[in-house]
N, C-alpha and C. Protein backbone atom coordinates (compact mmCIF):
# COMPACT_ATOMS: atom_id res chain seq x y z
N MET A 1 109.52 102.65 115.88
CA MET A 1 108.23 103.04 115.32
C MET A 1 108.47 103.90 114.08
N ALA A 2 107.61 103.78 113.12
CA ALA A 2 107.73 104.54 111.88
C ALA A 2 107.33 106.00 112.09
N ARG A 3 107.89 106.85 111.27
CA ARG A 3 107.57 108.28 111.30
C ARG A 3 107.01 108.68 109.95
N VAL A 4 106.18 109.71 109.95
CA VAL A 4 105.65 110.26 108.71
C VAL A 4 105.93 111.76 108.67
N ARG A 5 106.22 112.25 107.48
CA ARG A 5 106.42 113.67 107.25
C ARG A 5 105.18 114.18 106.54
N ILE A 6 104.57 115.23 107.09
CA ILE A 6 103.30 115.74 106.59
C ILE A 6 103.50 117.18 106.15
N ARG A 7 103.07 117.49 104.92
CA ARG A 7 103.17 118.86 104.41
C ARG A 7 101.76 119.40 104.18
N TYR A 8 101.50 120.57 104.71
CA TYR A 8 100.21 121.25 104.56
C TYR A 8 100.26 121.97 103.22
N LYS A 9 99.56 121.42 102.21
CA LYS A 9 99.74 121.91 100.84
C LYS A 9 98.58 122.70 100.26
N LYS A 10 97.41 122.64 100.88
CA LYS A 10 96.25 123.34 100.31
C LYS A 10 95.51 124.09 101.42
N SER A 11 95.08 125.30 101.12
CA SER A 11 94.40 126.14 102.10
C SER A 11 93.09 125.51 102.56
N MET A 12 92.74 125.76 103.82
CA MET A 12 91.50 125.23 104.36
C MET A 12 90.32 126.18 104.17
N ILE A 13 90.53 127.29 103.47
CA ILE A 13 89.44 128.22 103.19
C ILE A 13 88.36 127.50 102.38
N GLY A 14 87.14 127.61 102.83
CA GLY A 14 86.03 126.99 102.13
C GLY A 14 85.69 125.59 102.62
N TYR A 15 86.48 125.05 103.56
CA TYR A 15 86.20 123.73 104.10
C TYR A 15 85.55 123.87 105.47
N ASN A 16 84.91 122.80 105.93
CA ASN A 16 84.13 122.90 107.16
C ASN A 16 85.01 123.01 108.42
N GLN A 17 84.40 123.39 109.50
CA GLN A 17 85.09 123.67 110.76
C GLN A 17 85.82 122.44 111.30
N ARG A 18 85.26 121.28 111.10
CA ARG A 18 85.88 120.05 111.60
C ARG A 18 87.23 119.80 110.92
N GLN A 19 87.29 120.04 109.62
CA GLN A 19 88.56 119.87 108.91
C GLN A 19 89.57 120.93 109.32
N ARG A 20 89.10 122.15 109.57
CA ARG A 20 89.99 123.22 110.05
C ARG A 20 90.59 122.84 111.40
N GLU A 21 89.77 122.30 112.28
CA GLU A 21 90.24 121.89 113.60
C GLU A 21 91.24 120.73 113.50
N THR A 22 91.02 119.83 112.56
CA THR A 22 91.95 118.72 112.38
C THR A 22 93.31 119.22 111.93
N ILE A 23 93.35 120.18 111.03
CA ILE A 23 94.62 120.77 110.58
C ILE A 23 95.33 121.42 111.76
N ARG A 24 94.61 122.17 112.58
CA ARG A 24 95.21 122.82 113.76
C ARG A 24 95.70 121.77 114.77
N THR A 25 94.92 120.70 114.96
CA THR A 25 95.29 119.64 115.89
C THR A 25 96.56 118.93 115.45
N LEU A 26 96.74 118.78 114.15
CA LEU A 26 97.97 118.17 113.65
C LEU A 26 99.19 119.04 113.94
N GLY A 27 98.98 120.33 114.16
CA GLY A 27 100.07 121.22 114.53
C GLY A 27 100.45 122.22 113.46
N PHE A 28 99.64 122.34 112.44
CA PHE A 28 99.94 123.29 111.37
C PHE A 28 99.43 124.68 111.71
N SER A 29 100.23 125.69 111.35
CA SER A 29 99.80 127.07 111.54
C SER A 29 99.89 127.85 110.25
N ARG A 30 100.70 127.38 109.31
CA ARG A 30 100.88 128.09 108.04
C ARG A 30 100.84 127.12 106.87
N LEU A 31 100.35 127.60 105.77
CA LEU A 31 100.33 126.83 104.53
C LEU A 31 101.76 126.57 104.09
N GLY A 32 102.05 125.35 103.69
CA GLY A 32 103.38 124.99 103.23
C GLY A 32 104.29 124.47 104.32
N SER A 33 103.86 124.49 105.57
CA SER A 33 104.71 124.01 106.66
C SER A 33 104.76 122.47 106.66
N ILE A 34 105.83 121.95 107.25
CA ILE A 34 106.08 120.51 107.29
C ILE A 34 106.30 120.10 108.74
N ILE A 35 105.67 118.98 109.13
CA ILE A 35 105.89 118.43 110.47
C ILE A 35 106.19 116.94 110.34
N GLU A 36 106.85 116.39 111.34
CA GLU A 36 107.08 114.95 111.42
C GLU A 36 106.43 114.43 112.68
N ARG A 37 105.74 113.32 112.55
CA ARG A 37 105.05 112.70 113.68
C ARG A 37 105.28 111.20 113.68
N GLU A 38 105.14 110.60 114.86
CA GLU A 38 105.15 109.15 114.97
C GLU A 38 103.87 108.62 114.36
N ASP A 39 103.98 107.56 113.58
CA ASP A 39 102.82 106.97 112.94
C ASP A 39 101.98 106.22 113.97
N SER A 40 100.67 106.43 113.91
CA SER A 40 99.74 105.75 114.80
C SER A 40 98.38 105.67 114.13
N PRO A 41 97.52 104.80 114.58
CA PRO A 41 96.19 104.70 113.99
C PRO A 41 95.39 106.00 114.12
N SER A 42 95.51 106.70 115.24
CA SER A 42 94.77 107.95 115.40
C SER A 42 95.28 109.03 114.45
N LEU A 43 96.60 109.08 114.25
CA LEU A 43 97.17 110.04 113.30
C LEU A 43 96.69 109.71 111.89
N ARG A 44 96.69 108.44 111.53
CA ARG A 44 96.23 108.03 110.20
C ARG A 44 94.77 108.41 109.98
N GLY A 45 93.95 108.32 111.02
CA GLY A 45 92.55 108.72 110.91
C GLY A 45 92.41 110.21 110.65
N MET A 46 93.21 111.02 111.35
CA MET A 46 93.17 112.47 111.11
C MET A 46 93.64 112.80 109.70
N LEU A 47 94.71 112.13 109.26
CA LEU A 47 95.22 112.38 107.91
C LEU A 47 94.22 111.97 106.84
N HIS A 48 93.49 110.91 107.09
CA HIS A 48 92.47 110.48 106.14
C HIS A 48 91.36 111.53 106.01
N ALA A 49 91.03 112.18 107.11
CA ALA A 49 89.97 113.19 107.10
C ALA A 49 90.35 114.43 106.31
N VAL A 50 91.65 114.73 106.25
CA VAL A 50 92.10 115.93 105.53
C VAL A 50 93.08 115.57 104.41
N ARG A 51 92.94 114.40 103.84
CA ARG A 51 93.87 113.91 102.82
C ARG A 51 93.96 114.80 101.59
N HIS A 52 92.92 115.58 101.33
CA HIS A 52 92.92 116.49 100.19
C HIS A 52 93.67 117.79 100.49
N LEU A 53 94.04 118.02 101.75
CA LEU A 53 94.74 119.25 102.15
C LEU A 53 96.22 119.03 102.47
N VAL A 54 96.62 117.77 102.66
CA VAL A 54 97.99 117.48 103.07
C VAL A 54 98.64 116.46 102.15
N GLU A 55 99.97 116.39 102.25
CA GLU A 55 100.75 115.40 101.53
C GLU A 55 101.55 114.62 102.57
N VAL A 56 101.51 113.29 102.51
CA VAL A 56 102.15 112.45 103.52
C VAL A 56 103.25 111.63 102.88
N VAL A 57 104.44 111.63 103.53
CA VAL A 57 105.57 110.82 103.07
C VAL A 57 106.09 110.06 104.27
N GLU A 58 106.30 108.74 104.11
CA GLU A 58 106.86 107.95 105.19
C GLU A 58 108.37 108.19 105.24
N VAL A 59 108.89 108.38 106.44
CA VAL A 59 110.30 108.67 106.64
C VAL A 59 111.02 107.39 106.98
N VAL A 60 112.14 107.12 106.27
CA VAL A 60 112.95 105.96 106.55
C VAL A 60 113.94 106.33 107.64
N ASP A 61 113.90 105.61 108.75
CA ASP A 61 114.78 105.90 109.88
C ASP A 61 116.10 105.17 109.67
N GLU A 62 117.21 105.92 109.66
CA GLU A 62 118.52 105.32 109.42
C GLU A 62 118.95 104.40 110.56
N GLN A 63 118.52 104.68 111.79
CA GLN A 63 118.90 103.84 112.92
C GLN A 63 118.29 102.47 112.82
N SER A 64 117.05 102.36 112.34
CA SER A 64 116.40 101.07 112.28
C SER A 64 116.94 100.20 111.16
N THR A 65 117.60 100.81 110.14
CA THR A 65 118.18 100.04 109.05
C THR A 65 119.66 99.73 109.29
N GLY A 66 120.19 100.18 110.42
CA GLY A 66 121.58 99.93 110.74
C GLY A 66 122.53 100.82 109.95
N GLY A 67 122.04 101.98 109.50
CA GLY A 67 122.89 102.90 108.75
C GLY A 67 122.89 102.65 107.26
N ARG A 68 122.21 101.56 106.84
CA ARG A 68 122.16 101.25 105.41
C ARG A 68 120.82 101.66 104.83
N ALA A 69 120.81 102.14 103.63
CA ALA A 69 119.57 102.57 102.99
C ALA A 69 118.97 101.49 102.14
């Protein structure tokens, strides 16, 4: 399964409570922190809701490519 690396890049001050809760649900506690999660439709939906607050990068798994990039 694919993984995504998510960076919390913009403060949630001034945004509504639902977006604040989405950031907390993703697992962020501090601005600038980075987490990795398994990609799923529900995760993509949460990321879409806060796309202006986070940066998403897909992670290439070395095991699935057989060690080759």
